[in-house]
Amino acid sequence: MSSSRRGLLAGSAAMAAGAVAGCALPAGASRAPQTPFTVAQTTVPIVGSEQAFPVRRIYCIGRNYAAHAREMGSDPTREPPFFFQKPADAIQVVMPGTVADHPYPTLTKNYHYEVELVVALAKGGRNIAPADALGLVYGYSLGLDMTRRDLQREMGDQKKPWEIGKSFDHSAPIGPIHPVAKVGHYTDGSIWLKVNGQTKQNATLKHMIWSVAEQISRLSQAFELMPGDIIYSGTPENVGPVVRGDVIEIHIDGLPNLSVRIV
């Protein structure tokens, strides 16, 4: 056999061996697809851990306190719960003991605060019974559902989706997540919000129309819930506007206060 022929065969064998090696994977394993760029994973710090909570989806419940439902023009005795979503990267992590800068968004002249208990899920499922729902909870935090109220109302008046009023950059400030194994479940306790030291919202968690367990159950009827989902559980009455320079402070009994400055 000529040397050129032997070289060709050797090269072909090497290529085949490389292809086989490149395709060889352990049984049941799959190769991660290559992507043209990297998309950052949104995470929230976990109290007492070096790990972070990976956020998959943000669900929010509307008008879950009776007095807030009335101030928004609804009848809480007749209205079933409804939900909307924010993108995961709407998260703005706010650490206790700091005053985080929160950018005033574009396109609005009526920017509102809403303080809320936030629920983080470690398990998922469909059609979860209320009695089983709290078993999905990983932990709790407190947060803000910031809202471009003029755009929300404008879209509502036109019978159009109002994501533009709710689902924008930095619209979901949140503190670190406290594992339920350490803090238990939150069913009562004070929830309040102050602007420049003046109390604006003040209620208790027991004033929720739909409990955390009921919210999880109802959501699981519409969506398959998954680990990494978080739920903003509604806000009390007296939502209102802020302007640049205002400082918002929020509180839920048993969780450290959070503060942001509108810039």
Protein backbone atom coordinates (compact mmCIF):
# COMPACT_ATOMS: atom_id res chain seq x y z
CA MET A 1 0.00 0.00 0.00
CA SER A 2 1.38 3.38 -0.89
CA SER A 3 2.31 5.84 1.83
CA SER A 4 -0.35 8.29 0.60
CA ARG A 5 -3.01 5.59 0.78
CA ARG A 6 -1.95 4.62 4.32
CA GLY A 7 -2.06 8.29 5.34
CA LEU A 8 -5.57 8.72 3.98
CA LEU A 9 -6.85 5.63 5.82
CA ALA A 10 -5.18 6.72 9.07
CA GLY A 11 -6.70 10.16 8.81
CA SER A 12 -10.18 8.72 8.17
CA ALA A 13 -9.87 6.40 11.15
CA ALA A 14 -8.81 9.25 13.41
CA MET A 15 -11.75 11.37 12.27
CA ALA A 16 -14.18 8.50 12.89
CA ALA A 17 -12.75 7.88 16.35
CA GLY A 18 -13.06 11.56 17.18
CA ALA A 19 -16.67 11.65 16.03
CA VAL A 20 -17.51 8.59 18.14
CA ALA A 21 -15.75 10.05 21.17
CA GLY A 22 -17.55 13.35 20.68
CA CYS A 23 -20.91 11.59 20.62
CA ALA A 24 -20.19 9.22 23.50
CA LEU A 25 -22.29 10.22 26.53
CA PRO A 26 -23.30 8.34 29.65
CA ALA A 27 -26.59 6.50 29.41
CA GLY A 28 -29.49 8.90 29.92
CA ALA A 29 -27.30 11.99 29.60
CA SER A 30 -27.97 14.77 27.14
CA ARG A 31 -25.64 17.37 25.75
CA ALA A 32 -26.45 20.99 26.59
CA PRO A 33 -27.20 22.87 23.37
CA GLN A 34 -24.72 25.52 22.33
CA THR A 35 -26.13 29.05 22.17
CA PRO A 36 -24.84 32.14 20.36
CA PHE A 37 -24.85 34.19 23.57
CA THR A 38 -25.45 33.83 27.30
CA VAL A 39 -28.63 34.89 29.09
CA ALA A 40 -28.15 35.61 32.78
CA GLN A 41 -30.17 33.61 35.32
CA THR A 42 -32.11 35.84 37.72
CA THR A 43 -31.45 34.86 41.33
CA VAL A 44 -32.33 36.11 44.80
CA PRO A 45 -30.06 35.63 47.83
CA ILE A 46 -31.11 33.05 50.42
CA VAL A 47 -30.67 34.08 54.05
CA GLY A 48 -28.08 31.95 55.87
CA SER A 49 -26.84 30.25 52.71
CA GLU A 50 -24.22 30.74 50.02
CA GLN A 51 -26.77 29.47 47.53
CA ALA A 52 -29.16 31.73 45.63
CA PHE A 53 -32.78 31.10 44.67
CA PRO A 54 -33.22 30.80 40.85
CA VAL A 55 -36.28 32.67 39.62
CA ARG A 56 -38.31 30.98 36.88
CA ARG A 57 -41.56 32.99 36.78
CA ILE A 58 -43.09 35.85 38.75
CA TYR A 59 -46.83 35.56 39.38
CA CYS A 60 -48.78 38.42 40.96
CA ILE A 61 -52.33 38.36 42.32
CA GLY A 62 -54.54 41.40 41.83
CA ARG A 63 -56.81 43.02 44.41
CA ASN A 64 -56.26 40.50 47.19
CA TYR A 65 -57.12 42.85 50.06
CA ALA A 66 -60.76 43.94 50.27
CA ALA A 67 -60.10 47.63 50.89
CA HIS A 68 -57.59 47.79 48.01
CA ALA A 69 -60.08 46.08 45.70
CA ARG A 70 -62.64 48.74 46.58
CA GLU A 71 -60.20 51.61 45.98
CA MET A 72 -59.48 50.12 42.55
CA GLY A 73 -63.22 50.05 41.73
CA SER A 74 -63.97 46.34 42.31
CA ASP A 75 -66.30 44.40 44.56
CA PRO A 76 -64.19 41.96 46.63
CA THR A 77 -67.23 39.93 47.68
CA ARG A 78 -67.89 38.79 44.09
CA GLU A 79 -64.55 38.83 42.27
CA PRO A 80 -62.54 35.59 41.98
CA PRO A 81 -58.73 35.89 42.14
CA PHE A 82 -56.91 36.92 38.99
CA PHE A 83 -53.22 36.81 38.22
CA PHE A 84 -50.69 38.46 35.94
CA GLN A 85 -46.97 37.95 35.41
CA LYS A 86 -43.79 39.98 35.41
CA PRO A 87 -40.63 38.86 33.61
CA ALA A 88 -38.05 37.21 35.86
CA ASP A 89 -35.53 39.96 35.10
CA ALA A 90 -37.90 42.57 36.56
CA ILE A 91 -36.37 41.53 39.90
CA GLN A 92 -34.35 44.16 41.75
CA VAL A 93 -32.65 42.64 44.79
CA VAL A 94 -32.68 45.00 47.79
CA MET A 95 -30.52 44.10 50.76
CA PRO A 96 -31.68 44.95 54.30
CA GLY A 97 -29.77 47.77 55.93
CA THR A 98 -29.28 49.62 52.64
CA VAL A 99 -31.24 52.19 50.67
CA ALA A 100 -31.17 50.93 47.10
CA ASP A 101 -31.51 53.31 44.17
CA HIS A 102 -34.66 52.50 42.21
CA PRO A 103 -34.96 54.16 38.79
CA TYR A 104 -38.12 56.09 37.97
CA PRO A 105 -39.30 54.41 34.76
CA THR A 106 -39.97 55.96 31.38
CA LEU A 107 -43.40 56.73 29.90
CA THR A 108 -45.19 57.42 33.20
CA LYS A 109 -46.21 60.43 35.25
CA ASN A 110 -48.01 58.40 37.94
CA TYR A 111 -45.66 55.83 39.47
CA HIS A 112 -47.17 53.80 42.32
CA TYR A 113 -45.91 51.61 45.17
CA GLU A 114 -47.52 48.37 46.38
CA VAL A 115 -45.99 46.45 49.31
CA GLU A 116 -46.47 42.67 49.22
CA LEU A 117 -45.56 39.38 50.90
CA VAL A 118 -43.57 37.30 48.40
CA VAL A 119 -43.75 33.49 48.31
CA ALA A 120 -40.96 31.38 46.77
CA LEU A 121 -41.68 27.83 45.60
CA ALA A 122 -39.30 24.85 45.76
CA LYS A 123 -41.79 22.35 44.32
CA GLY A 124 -44.42 22.45 41.62
CA GLY A 125 -47.41 20.64 40.23
CA ARG A 126 -50.90 20.95 38.79
CA ASN A 127 -54.25 21.10 40.56
CA ILE A 128 -52.73 21.37 44.02
CA ALA A 129 -55.24 21.11 46.85
CA PRO A 130 -55.17 24.03 49.30
CA ALA A 131 -54.40 21.58 52.11
CA ASP A 132 -51.22 20.53 50.28
CA ALA A 133 -50.19 23.88 48.83
CA LEU A 134 -47.92 25.13 51.60
CA GLY A 135 -45.77 22.04 51.08
CA LEU A 136 -44.53 23.67 47.86
CA VAL A 137 -43.17 26.76 49.63
CA TYR A 138 -39.41 27.19 49.98
CA GLY A 139 -39.47 30.53 51.74
CA TYR A 140 -40.77 34.07 52.04
CA SER A 141 -39.63 37.62 51.45
CA LEU A 142 -41.17 41.04 51.10
CA GLY A 143 -41.25 43.10 47.96
CA LEU A 144 -42.75 45.88 45.91
CA ASP A 145 -45.04 45.56 42.90
CA MET A 146 -44.13 48.90 41.30
CA THR A 147 -46.72 50.11 38.83
CA ARG A 148 -46.99 52.68 36.03
CA ARG A 149 -50.56 53.40 37.11
CA ASP A 150 -51.45 55.80 34.34
CA LEU A 151 -50.43 53.26 31.70
CA GLN A 152 -52.21 50.44 33.52
CA ARG A 153 -55.44 52.42 33.68
CA GLU A 154 -55.13 53.61 30.09
CA MET A 155 -54.76 50.05 28.84
CA GLY A 156 -57.61 48.88 31.08
CA ASP A 157 -59.91 51.57 29.75
CA GLN A 158 -59.13 50.39 26.22
CA LYS A 159 -59.72 46.72 27.16
CA LYS A 160 -56.10 45.97 26.29
CA PRO A 161 -53.51 43.96 28.25
CA TRP A 162 -51.78 46.17 30.78
CA GLU A 163 -48.33 44.53 30.99
CA ILE A 164 -46.83 47.91 30.10
CA GLY A 165 -48.09 49.18 33.44
CA LYS A 166 -46.79 46.26 35.48
CA SER A 167 -44.10 44.32 33.63
CA PHE A 168 -41.06 46.51 33.11
CA ASP A 169 -37.43 46.77 34.21
CA HIS A 170 -36.90 46.88 38.00
CA SER A 171 -40.66 46.63 38.68
CA ALA A 172 -40.22 43.84 41.27
CA PRO A 173 -37.91 44.90 44.12
CA ILE A 174 -37.44 42.04 46.59
CA GLY A 175 -35.39 41.22 49.66
CA PRO A 176 -33.48 38.00 50.38
CA ILE A 177 -35.56 34.86 50.78
CA HIS A 178 -36.01 33.39 54.26
CA PRO A 179 -36.38 29.58 54.17
CA VAL A 180 -39.65 28.35 55.64
CA ALA A 181 -37.69 25.81 57.67
CA LYS A 182 -36.32 28.72 59.70
CA VAL A 183 -39.21 31.23 59.74
CA GLY A 184 -42.36 29.14 59.29
CA HIS A 185 -45.36 30.32 57.29
CA TYR A 186 -46.77 33.84 57.28
CA THR A 187 -50.52 33.95 57.87
CA ASP A 188 -50.79 37.01 60.11
CA GLY A 189 -48.74 40.01 61.14
CA SER A 190 -48.42 43.65 60.23
CA ILE A 191 -47.62 44.77 56.69
CA TRP A 192 -46.91 48.44 56.09
CA LEU A 193 -45.23 50.92 53.77
CA LYS A 194 -43.88 54.39 54.47
CA VAL A 195 -42.86 57.16 52.09
CA ASN A 196 -40.37 59.64 53.55
CA GLY A 197 -41.24 58.38 57.03
CA GLN A 198 -45.02 58.79 56.65
CA THR A 199 -47.18 55.66 56.81
CA LYS A 200 -49.13 55.14 53.59
CA GLN A 201 -50.17 51.47 53.69
CA ASN A 202 -50.94 49.65 56.93
CA ALA A 203 -52.79 46.34 57.30
CA THR A 204 -52.30 42.74 58.44
CA LEU A 205 -51.71 39.63 56.37
CA LYS A 206 -54.91 38.06 57.68
CA HIS A 207 -56.80 40.69 55.65
CA MET A 208 -55.92 38.81 52.46
CA ILE A 209 -59.04 37.67 50.60
CA TRP A 210 -57.21 34.59 49.26
CA SER A 211 -54.59 32.96 51.52
CA VAL A 212 -51.18 31.91 50.26
CA ALA A 213 -52.36 28.27 50.13
CA GLU A 214 -55.45 29.26 48.15
CA GLN A 215 -53.38 31.36 45.74
CA ILE A 216 -51.05 28.45 45.04
CA SER A 217 -54.00 26.13 44.53
CA ARG A 218 -55.79 28.48 42.14
CA LEU A 219 -52.62 29.22 40.17
CA SER A 220 -51.95 25.50 39.76
CA GLN A 221 -55.32 25.12 38.03
CA ALA A 222 -54.19 27.49 35.28
CA PHE A 223 -50.44 26.76 35.10
CA GLU A 224 -48.12 23.93 35.98
CA LEU A 225 -46.18 25.46 38.84
CA MET A 226 -42.46 24.73 38.99
CA PRO A 227 -39.54 25.16 41.39
CA GLY A 228 -38.26 28.71 41.08
CA ASP A 229 -41.69 30.31 40.73
CA ILE A 230 -42.44 33.21 43.05
CA ILE A 231 -45.77 34.79 43.92
CA TYR A 232 -46.40 38.41 44.88
CA SER A 233 -49.44 37.91 47.11
CA GLY A 234 -51.27 41.24 46.83
CA THR A 235 -51.16 44.66 48.44
CA PRO A 236 -53.28 46.47 51.05
CA GLU A 237 -55.19 49.68 50.42
CA ASN A 238 -53.78 53.20 50.00
CA VAL A 239 -51.48 52.65 47.07
CA GLY A 240 -50.16 55.93 45.77
CA PRO A 241 -47.56 57.82 43.77
CA VAL A 242 -43.90 58.54 44.36
CA VAL A 243 -41.50 60.94 42.66
CA ARG A 244 -37.74 61.17 42.34
CA GLY A 245 -36.09 61.69 45.72
CA ASP A 246 -38.76 59.83 47.70
CA VAL A 247 -37.65 57.02 50.01
CA ILE A 248 -39.92 53.99 50.37
CA GLU A 249 -39.61 51.73 53.42
CA ILE A 250 -41.55 48.45 53.65
CA HIS A 251 -42.19 46.08 56.56
CA ILE A 252 -43.73 42.70 57.34
CA ASP A 253 -43.56 41.35 60.88
CA GLY A 254 -40.78 38.80 61.15
CA LEU A 255 -38.84 40.02 58.10
CA PRO A 256 -36.19 42.78 57.93
CA ASN A 257 -37.34 46.11 56.50
CA LEU A 258 -36.34 47.12 53.00
CA SER A 259 -35.80 50.63 51.62
CA VAL A 260 -35.46 52.12 48.14
CA ARG A 261 -34.89 55.66 46.93
CA ILE A 262 -36.57 56.75 43.70
CA VAL A 263 -33.91 58.21 41.38
